[in-house]
Amino acid sequence: MIKTQLCPSGELEDKNWWYLDLGFLLIVMGLSYYAVTGYMDTRREAIQVLISKKQNWETEYATKAPHVEKFRTLNEEMTLLNQKIGALKKITTSKVDKVKPLVALDQLQTLWMDGVWYEDISYGETGDVLIRGAGQDSLLVGEYMLGVRETMNPDTRNTDVRTQLGFNNLKLKIVKLNDQPDEFFKDIQTRMQFELSGLHVEKPASDTPSLSMGPPPRSLRKVGF
């Protein structure tokens, strides 16, 4: 019968061999404990700092909350104020400003002459006007434009509201000869197309005679210009 010794001879000779392993184990456990404790303390301090900041923010917010609430209602107050301003403008706006678009239509209708026709008219909120039209020849178009310019003559201003407004800052944006037959009037073979822009404004009164460009066009003689 053969006997095999699996246990180290040192352990057989020294019965307290495990003290050393236990000591190493305790040292490792102690170091691990202090490491974990130090880490947890660091995290607790960080959490405490965050809690302190949160409390400070809450205190500051409670102090500034009334001012913040005022800013929240600022848009509503501004909207209400703009409505009041709009109402005041409607009350204080002059009678001339209220009827400017109607006067412009009346004046353009009065300025219309045979051989000239409107294709498109636009009128903006600030009185800017864009007139697109055409005439049978350039002389008629030129006569029409002189009539439009004559509306700013201060000598024609009187108590009639239709004479207190005129077309100013006139600019001839487009003028060209179109040799294609008209879409609606087939008998018109050629026409002079034009595009005129300007501002419809109240003209100033003048106490002194102004320079005249000669007799007014026949379109303005209809209303006593």
C-alpha atoms as a PDB file:
ATOM      1  CA  MET A   1       0.000   0.000   0.000  1.00  0.00           C
ATOM      2  CA  ILE A   2       1.425   3.374  -1.153  1.00  0.00           C
ATOM      3  CA  LYS A   3       0.693   6.590   0.821  1.00  0.00           C
ATOM      4  CA  THR A   4       0.914  10.023  -0.889  1.00  0.00           C
ATOM      5  CA  GLN A   5       1.380  13.221   1.116  1.00  0.00           C
ATOM      6  CA  LEU A   6      -0.537  16.079  -0.626  1.00  0.00           C
ATOM      7  CA  CYS A   7      -0.160  18.654   2.127  1.00  0.00           C
ATOM      8  CA  PRO A   8       3.050  20.769   2.041  1.00  0.00           C
ATOM      9  CA  SER A   9       5.581  19.665   4.516  1.00  0.00           C
ATOM     10  CA  GLY A  10       5.793  23.180   5.958  1.00  0.00           C
ATOM     11  CA  GLU A  11       2.141  23.080   6.932  1.00  0.00           C
ATOM     12  CA  LEU A  12       2.652  19.784   8.647  1.00  0.00           C
ATOM     13  CA  GLU A  13       5.561  21.165  10.583  1.00  0.00           C
ATOM     14  CA  ASP A  14       3.954  24.554  11.393  1.00  0.00           C
ATOM     15  CA  LYS A  15       0.389  24.240  12.652  1.00  0.00           C
ATOM     16  CA  ASN A  16      -0.120  28.044  12.609  1.00  0.00           C
ATOM     17  CA  TRP A  17       0.708  28.553   8.941  1.00  0.00           C
ATOM     18  CA  TRP A  18      -2.733  30.129   8.256  1.00  0.00           C
ATOM     19  CA  TYR A  19      -2.016  33.150  10.474  1.00  0.00           C
ATOM     20  CA  LEU A  20      -0.013  34.777   7.708  1.00  0.00           C
ATOM     21  CA  ASP A  21      -2.775  34.304   5.103  1.00  0.00           C
ATOM     22  CA  LEU A  22      -5.324  35.624   7.567  1.00  0.00           C
ATOM     23  CA  GLY A  23      -3.133  38.661   8.213  1.00  0.00           C
ATOM     24  CA  PHE A  24      -2.886  39.407   4.483  1.00  0.00           C
ATOM     25  CA  LEU A  25      -6.651  38.975   4.155  1.00  0.00           C
ATOM     26  CA  LEU A  26      -7.320  41.365   7.045  1.00  0.00           C
ATOM     27  CA  ILE A  27      -4.917  43.937   5.581  1.00  0.00           C
ATOM     28  CA  VAL A  28      -6.624  43.740   2.189  1.00  0.00           C
ATOM     29  CA  MET A  29     -10.049  44.023   3.795  1.00  0.00           C
ATOM     30  CA  GLY A  30      -8.907  47.001   5.889  1.00  0.00           C
ATOM     31  CA  LEU A  31      -7.461  48.795   2.882  1.00  0.00           C
ATOM     32  CA  SER A  32     -10.614  48.077   0.888  1.00  0.00           C
ATOM     33  CA  TYR A  33     -12.772  49.398   3.725  1.00  0.00           C
ATOM     34  CA  TYR A  34     -10.806  52.642   3.999  1.00  0.00           C
ATOM     35  CA  ALA A  35     -10.815  53.070   0.217  1.00  0.00           C
ATOM     36  CA  VAL A  36     -14.601  52.547  -0.032  1.00  0.00           C
ATOM     37  CA  THR A  37     -15.196  54.744   3.019  1.00  0.00           C
ATOM     38  CA  GLY A  38     -13.058  57.533   1.556  1.00  0.00           C
ATOM     39  CA  TYR A  39     -14.857  57.290  -1.784  1.00  0.00           C
ATOM     40  CA  MET A  40     -18.269  57.372  -0.117  1.00  0.00           C
ATOM     41  CA  ASP A  41     -17.218  60.373   1.994  1.00  0.00           C
ATOM     42  CA  THR A  42     -16.121  62.178  -1.157  1.00  0.00           C
ATOM     43  CA  ARG A  43     -19.464  61.417  -2.846  1.00  0.00           C
ATOM     44  CA  ARG A  44     -21.359  62.542   0.260  1.00  0.00           C
ATOM     45  CA  GLU A  45     -19.464  65.837   0.234  1.00  0.00           C
ATOM     46  CA  ALA A  46     -20.261  66.332  -3.453  1.00  0.00           C
ATOM     47  CA  ILE A  47     -23.923  65.542  -2.814  1.00  0.00           C
ATOM     48  CA  GLN A  48     -23.954  67.959   0.114  1.00  0.00           C
ATOM     49  CA  VAL A  49     -22.496  70.690  -2.127  1.00  0.00           C
ATOM     50  CA  LEU A  50     -25.212  70.044  -4.697  1.00  0.00           C
ATOM     51  CA  ILE A  51     -27.900  70.133  -2.016  1.00  0.00           C
ATOM     52  CA  SER A  52     -26.493  73.420  -0.743  1.00  0.00           C
ATOM     53  CA  LYS A  53     -26.533  74.883  -4.273  1.00  0.00           C
ATOM     54  CA  LYS A  54     -30.098  73.688  -4.775  1.00  0.00           C
ATOM     55  CA  GLN A  55     -31.169  75.350  -1.544  1.00  0.00           C
ATOM     56  CA  ASN A  56     -29.457  78.587  -2.594  1.00  0.00           C
ATOM     57  CA  TRP A  57     -31.161  78.480  -5.996  1.00  0.00           C
ATOM     58  CA  GLU A  58     -34.523  77.877  -4.378  1.00  0.00           C
ATOM     59  CA  THR A  59     -33.934  80.817  -2.057  1.00  0.00           C
ATOM     60  CA  GLU A  60     -32.935  83.081  -4.959  1.00  0.00           C
ATOM     61  CA  TYR A  61     -35.921  81.916  -7.020  1.00  0.00           C
ATOM     62  CA  ALA A  62     -38.291  82.620  -4.126  1.00  0.00           C
ATOM     63  CA  THR A  63     -36.806  86.126  -3.908  1.00  0.00           C
ATOM     64  CA  LYS A  64     -37.050  86.794  -7.657  1.00  0.00           C
ATOM     65  CA  ALA A  65     -40.350  84.971  -8.273  1.00  0.00           C
ATOM     66  CA  PRO A  66     -42.450  88.183  -8.228  1.00  0.00           C
ATOM     67  CA  HIS A  67     -40.192  89.737 -10.882  1.00  0.00           C
ATOM     68  CA  VAL A  68     -40.324  86.577 -12.978  1.00  0.00           C
ATOM     69  CA  GLU A  69     -44.117  86.620 -12.788  1.00  0.00           C
ATOM     70  CA  LYS A  70     -44.099  90.193 -14.093  1.00  0.00           C
ATOM     71  CA  PHE A  71     -42.087  89.114 -17.124  1.00  0.00           C
ATOM     72  CA  ARG A  72     -44.523  86.282 -17.787  1.00  0.00           C
ATOM     73  CA  THR A  73     -47.404  88.728 -18.053  1.00  0.00           C
ATOM     74  CA  LEU A  74     -45.358  91.283 -19.998  1.00  0.00           C
ATOM     75  CA  ASN A  75     -46.489  89.972 -23.397  1.00  0.00           C
ATOM     76  CA  GLU A  76     -50.139  90.184 -22.381  1.00  0.00           C
ATOM     77  CA  GLU A  77     -49.630  93.742 -21.129  1.00  0.00           C
ATOM     78  CA  MET A  78     -47.833  94.716 -24.346  1.00  0.00           C
ATOM     79  CA  THR A  79     -50.641  93.245 -26.458  1.00  0.00           C
ATOM     80  CA  LEU A  80     -53.212  95.175 -24.455  1.00  0.00           C
ATOM     81  CA  LEU A  81     -51.128  98.344 -24.761  1.00  0.00           C
ATOM     82  CA  ASN A  82     -50.814  97.928 -28.533  1.00  0.00           C
ATOM     83  CA  GLN A  83     -54.583  97.528 -28.771  1.00  0.00           C
ATOM     84  CA  LYS A  84     -55.048 100.767 -26.837  1.00  0.00           C
ATOM     85  CA  ILE A  85     -52.507 102.526 -29.067  1.00  0.00           C
ATOM     86  CA  GLY A  86     -54.326 101.244 -32.146  1.00  0.00           C
ATOM     87  CA  ALA A  87     -57.629 102.516 -30.793  1.00  0.00           C
ATOM     88  CA  LEU A  88     -56.074 105.921 -30.084  1.00  0.00           C
ATOM     89  CA  LYS A  89     -54.640 106.057 -33.587  1.00  0.00           C
ATOM     90  CA  LYS A  90     -58.067 105.388 -35.053  1.00  0.00           C
ATOM     91  CA  ILE A  91     -59.480 108.229 -32.979  1.00  0.00           C
ATOM     92  CA  THR A  92     -56.684 110.699 -33.693  1.00  0.00           C
ATOM     93  CA  THR A  93     -56.166 109.828 -37.374  1.00  0.00           C
ATOM     94  CA  SER A  94     -57.162 112.674 -39.638  1.00  0.00           C
ATOM     95  CA  LYS A  95     -60.203 112.386 -41.858  1.00  0.00           C
ATOM     96  CA  VAL A  96     -57.958 112.616 -44.894  1.00  0.00           C
ATOM     97  CA  ASP A  97     -55.992 109.515 -43.867  1.00  0.00           C
ATOM     98  CA  LYS A  98     -59.193 107.546 -43.416  1.00  0.00           C
ATOM     99  CA  VAL A  99     -60.411 108.155 -46.959  1.00  0.00           C
ATOM    100  CA  LYS A 100     -57.071 108.097 -48.803  1.00  0.00           C
ATOM    101  CA  PRO A 101     -57.718 104.834 -50.706  1.00  0.00           C
ATOM    102  CA  LEU A 102     -61.149 106.045 -51.828  1.00  0.00           C
ATOM    103  CA  VAL A 103     -59.720 109.393 -52.911  1.00  0.00           C
ATOM    104  CA  ALA A 104     -56.979 107.589 -54.844  1.00  0.00           C
ATOM    105  CA  LEU A 105     -59.562 105.541 -56.745  1.00  0.00           C
ATOM    106  CA  ASP A 106     -61.589 108.670 -57.471  1.00  0.00           C
ATOM    107  CA  GLN A 107     -58.511 110.540 -58.702  1.00  0.00           C
ATOM    108  CA  LEU A 108     -57.344 107.665 -60.892  1.00  0.00           C
ATOM    109  CA  GLN A 109     -60.811 107.400 -62.374  1.00  0.00           C
ATOM    110  CA  THR A 110     -60.778 111.156 -63.071  1.00  0.00           C
ATOM    111  CA  LEU A 111     -57.317 110.957 -64.630  1.00  0.00           C
ATOM    112  CA  TRP A 112     -58.393 108.214 -66.989  1.00  0.00           C
ATOM    113  CA  MET A 113     -58.604 109.305 -70.632  1.00  0.00           C
ATOM    114  CA  ASP A 114     -59.558 107.775 -73.938  1.00  0.00           C
ATOM    115  CA  GLY A 115     -56.783 105.675 -75.354  1.00  0.00           C
ATOM    116  CA  VAL A 116     -55.281 104.826 -71.948  1.00  0.00           C
ATOM    117  CA  TRP A 117     -56.447 101.962 -69.743  1.00  0.00           C
ATOM    118  CA  TYR A 118     -55.475 100.385 -66.445  1.00  0.00           C
ATOM    119  CA  GLU A 119     -54.302  96.799 -66.202  1.00  0.00           C
ATOM    120  CA  ASP A 120     -53.557  96.622 -62.465  1.00  0.00           C
ATOM    121  CA  ILE A 121     -53.567  99.039 -59.505  1.00  0.00           C
ATOM    122  CA  SER A 122     -52.211  98.271 -56.012  1.00  0.00           C
ATOM    123  CA  TYR A 123     -52.459 100.515 -52.938  1.00  0.00           C
ATOM    124  CA  GLY A 124     -50.415  99.802 -49.788  1.00  0.00           C
ATOM    125  CA  GLU A 125     -51.097 100.647 -46.160  1.00  0.00           C
ATOM    126  CA  THR A 126     -48.530 103.463 -46.202  1.00  0.00           C
ATOM    127  CA  GLY A 127     -49.971 105.003 -49.362  1.00  0.00           C
ATOM    128  CA  ASP A 128     -47.530 103.454 -51.825  1.00  0.00           C
ATOM    129  CA  VAL A 129     -49.180 103.046 -55.222  1.00  0.00           C
ATOM    130  CA  LEU A 130     -48.270 100.888 -58.184  1.00  0.00           C
ATOM    131  CA  ILE A 131     -50.111 101.503 -61.475  1.00  0.00           C
ATOM    132  CA  ARG A 132     -49.800  99.181 -64.441  1.00  0.00           C
ATOM    133  CA  GLY A 133     -51.468 100.231 -67.644  1.00  0.00           C
ATOM    134  CA  ALA A 134     -51.151 100.786 -71.368  1.00  0.00           C
ATOM    135  CA  GLY A 135     -51.919 103.374 -73.999  1.00  0.00           C
ATOM    136  CA  GLN A 136     -52.436 103.420 -77.729  1.00  0.00           C
ATOM    137  CA  ASP A 137     -49.308 105.544 -78.201  1.00  0.00           C
ATOM    138  CA  SER A 138     -46.507 107.181 -76.211  1.00  0.00           C
ATOM    139  CA  LEU A 139     -48.060 110.671 -76.423  1.00  0.00           C
ATOM    140  CA  LEU A 140     -51.188 109.528 -74.613  1.00  0.00           C
ATOM    141  CA  VAL A 141     -49.110 107.780 -71.964  1.00  0.00           C
ATOM    142  CA  GLY A 142     -47.009 110.907 -71.484  1.00  0.00           C
ATOM    143  CA  GLU A 143     -50.109 113.067 -71.174  1.00  0.00           C
ATOM    144  CA  TYR A 144     -51.547 110.689 -68.605  1.00  0.00           C
ATOM    145  CA  MET A 145     -48.353 110.797 -66.528  1.00  0.00           C
ATOM    146  CA  LEU A 146     -48.333 114.597 -66.603  1.00  0.00           C
ATOM    147  CA  GLY A 147     -51.870 114.502 -65.257  1.00  0.00           C
ATOM    148  CA  VAL A 148     -50.812 112.230 -62.418  1.00  0.00           C
ATOM    149  CA  ARG A 149     -47.903 114.528 -61.575  1.00  0.00           C
ATOM    150  CA  GLU A 150     -50.183 117.583 -61.653  1.00  0.00           C
ATOM    151  CA  THR A 151     -52.154 116.234 -58.683  1.00  0.00           C
ATOM    152  CA  MET A 152     -49.352 117.558 -56.419  1.00  0.00           C
ATOM    153  CA  ASN A 153     -49.799 121.127 -57.636  1.00  0.00           C
ATOM    154  CA  PRO A 154     -50.463 123.101 -54.407  1.00  0.00           C
ATOM    155  CA  ASP A 155     -52.485 125.709 -56.305  1.00  0.00           C
ATOM    156  CA  THR A 156     -55.241 123.152 -56.799  1.00  0.00           C
ATOM    157  CA  ARG A 157     -55.724 122.548 -53.086  1.00  0.00           C
ATOM    158  CA  ASN A 158     -59.009 123.700 -51.586  1.00  0.00           C
ATOM    159  CA  THR A 159     -61.569 122.511 -49.073  1.00  0.00           C
ATOM    160  CA  ASP A 160     -62.470 119.482 -51.200  1.00  0.00           C
ATOM    161  CA  VAL A 161     -60.666 116.448 -49.744  1.00  0.00           C
ATOM    162  CA  ARG A 162     -60.078 115.145 -53.260  1.00  0.00           C
ATOM    163  CA  THR A 163     -57.807 118.131 -53.952  1.00  0.00           C
ATOM    164  CA  GLN A 164     -55.824 117.762 -50.713  1.00  0.00           C
ATOM    165  CA  LEU A 165     -54.100 114.551 -51.807  1.00  0.00           C
ATOM    166  CA  GLY A 166     -51.777 113.809 -54.674  1.00  0.00           C
ATOM    167  CA  PHE A 167     -49.349 111.324 -56.153  1.00  0.00           C
ATOM    168  CA  ASN A 168     -45.763 112.187 -55.193  1.00  0.00           C
ATOM    169  CA  ASN A 169     -42.311 110.632 -55.813  1.00  0.00           C
ATOM    170  CA  LEU A 170     -43.466 109.254 -59.146  1.00  0.00           C
ATOM    171  CA  LYS A 171     -41.117 106.795 -60.816  1.00  0.00           C
ATOM    172  CA  LEU A 172     -41.565 105.301 -64.265  1.00  0.00           C
ATOM    173  CA  LYS A 173     -40.382 101.752 -63.666  1.00  0.00           C
ATOM    174  CA  ILE A 174     -41.286 100.156 -67.008  1.00  0.00           C
ATOM    175  CA  VAL A 175     -42.265 101.533 -70.405  1.00  0.00           C
ATOM    176  CA  LYS A 176     -42.165  99.351 -73.489  1.00  0.00           C
ATOM    177  CA  LEU A 177     -43.870  98.872 -76.801  1.00  0.00           C
ATOM    178  CA  ASN A 178     -45.878  95.679 -77.074  1.00  0.00           C
ATOM    179  CA  ASP A 179     -46.586  94.685 -80.677  1.00  0.00           C
ATOM    180  CA  GLN A 180     -48.629  91.628 -79.745  1.00  0.00           C
ATOM    181  CA  PRO A 181     -52.431  91.825 -80.100  1.00  0.00           C
ATOM    182  CA  ASP A 182     -54.263  92.550 -76.875  1.00  0.00           C
ATOM    183  CA  GLU A 183     -55.805  89.508 -75.194  1.00  0.00           C
ATOM    184  CA  PHE A 184     -59.203  91.131 -74.749  1.00  0.00           C
ATOM    185  CA  PHE A 185     -59.199  93.818 -77.439  1.00  0.00           C
ATOM    186  CA  LYS A 186     -58.198  91.993 -80.600  1.00  0.00           C
ATOM    187  CA  ASP A 187     -58.398  95.133 -82.744  1.00  0.00           C
ATOM    188  CA  ILE A 188     -55.503  96.754 -80.810  1.00  0.00           C
ATOM    189  CA  GLN A 189     -52.358  95.511 -82.496  1.00  0.00           C
ATOM    190  CA  THR A 190     -49.741  97.594 -80.661  1.00  0.00           C
ATOM    191  CA  ARG A 191     -49.783  99.362 -77.316  1.00  0.00           C
ATOM    192  CA  MET A 192     -47.355 101.204 -75.056  1.00  0.00           C
ATOM    193  CA  GLN A 193     -47.260  99.459 -71.689  1.00  0.00           C
ATOM    194  CA  PHE A 194     -46.066 101.309 -68.576  1.00  0.00           C
ATOM    195  CA  GLU A 195     -45.602 100.784 -64.851  1.00  0.00           C
ATOM    196  CA  LEU A 196     -45.743 103.814 -62.568  1.00  0.00           C
ATOM    197  CA  SER A 197     -45.011 103.882 -58.822  1.00  0.00           C
ATOM    198  CA  GLY A 198     -45.396 106.630 -56.244  1.00  0.00           C
ATOM    199  CA  LEU A 199     -46.763 107.732 -52.888  1.00  0.00           C
ATOM    200  CA  HIS A 200     -50.280 108.989 -52.277  1.00  0.00           C
ATOM    201  CA  VAL A 201     -49.765 111.782 -49.758  1.00  0.00           C
ATOM    202  CA  GLU A 202     -51.376 114.943 -48.489  1.00  0.00           C
ATOM    203  CA  LYS A 203     -49.930 117.867 -50.385  1.00  0.00           C
ATOM    204  CA  PRO A 204     -48.832 121.033 -48.605  1.00  0.00           C
ATOM    205  CA  ALA A 205     -50.721 124.274 -48.929  1.00  0.00           C
ATOM    206  CA  SER A 206     -48.954 127.084 -50.747  1.00  0.00           C
ATOM    207  CA  ASP A 207     -49.453 130.811 -50.232  1.00  0.00           C
ATOM    208  CA  THR A 208     -47.329 131.764 -53.223  1.00  0.00           C
ATOM    209  CA  PRO A 209     -48.042 130.946 -56.869  1.00  0.00           C
ATOM    210  CA  SER A 210     -46.215 127.879 -58.044  1.00  0.00           C
ATOM    211  CA  LEU A 211     -44.579 127.266 -61.371  1.00  0.00           C
ATOM    212  CA  SER A 212     -46.959 125.853 -63.928  1.00  0.00           C
ATOM    213  CA  MET A 213     -46.145 123.338 -66.615  1.00  0.00           C
ATOM    214  CA  GLY A 214     -48.733 124.818 -68.921  1.00  0.00           C
ATOM    215  CA  PRO A 215     -52.391 123.951 -69.384  1.00  0.00           C
ATOM    216  CA  PRO A 216     -53.434 120.874 -67.442  1.00  0.00           C
ATOM    217  CA  PRO A 217     -54.326 117.740 -69.392  1.00  0.00           C
ATOM    218  CA  ARG A 218     -57.900 117.458 -70.532  1.00  0.00           C
ATOM    219  CA  SER A 219     -58.463 114.680 -67.999  1.00  0.00           C
ATOM    220  CA  LEU A 220     -58.028 117.187 -65.133  1.00  0.00           C
ATOM    221  CA  ARG A 221     -60.194 119.844 -66.694  1.00  0.00           C
ATOM    222  CA  LYS A 222     -63.208 117.692 -65.874  1.00  0.00           C
ATOM    223  CA  VAL A 223     -62.856 118.509 -62.163  1.00  0.00           C
ATOM    224  CA  GLY A 224     -61.805 122.138 -62.510  1.00  0.00           C
ATOM    225  CA  PHE A 225     -58.003 121.888 -62.289  1.00  0.00           C
END
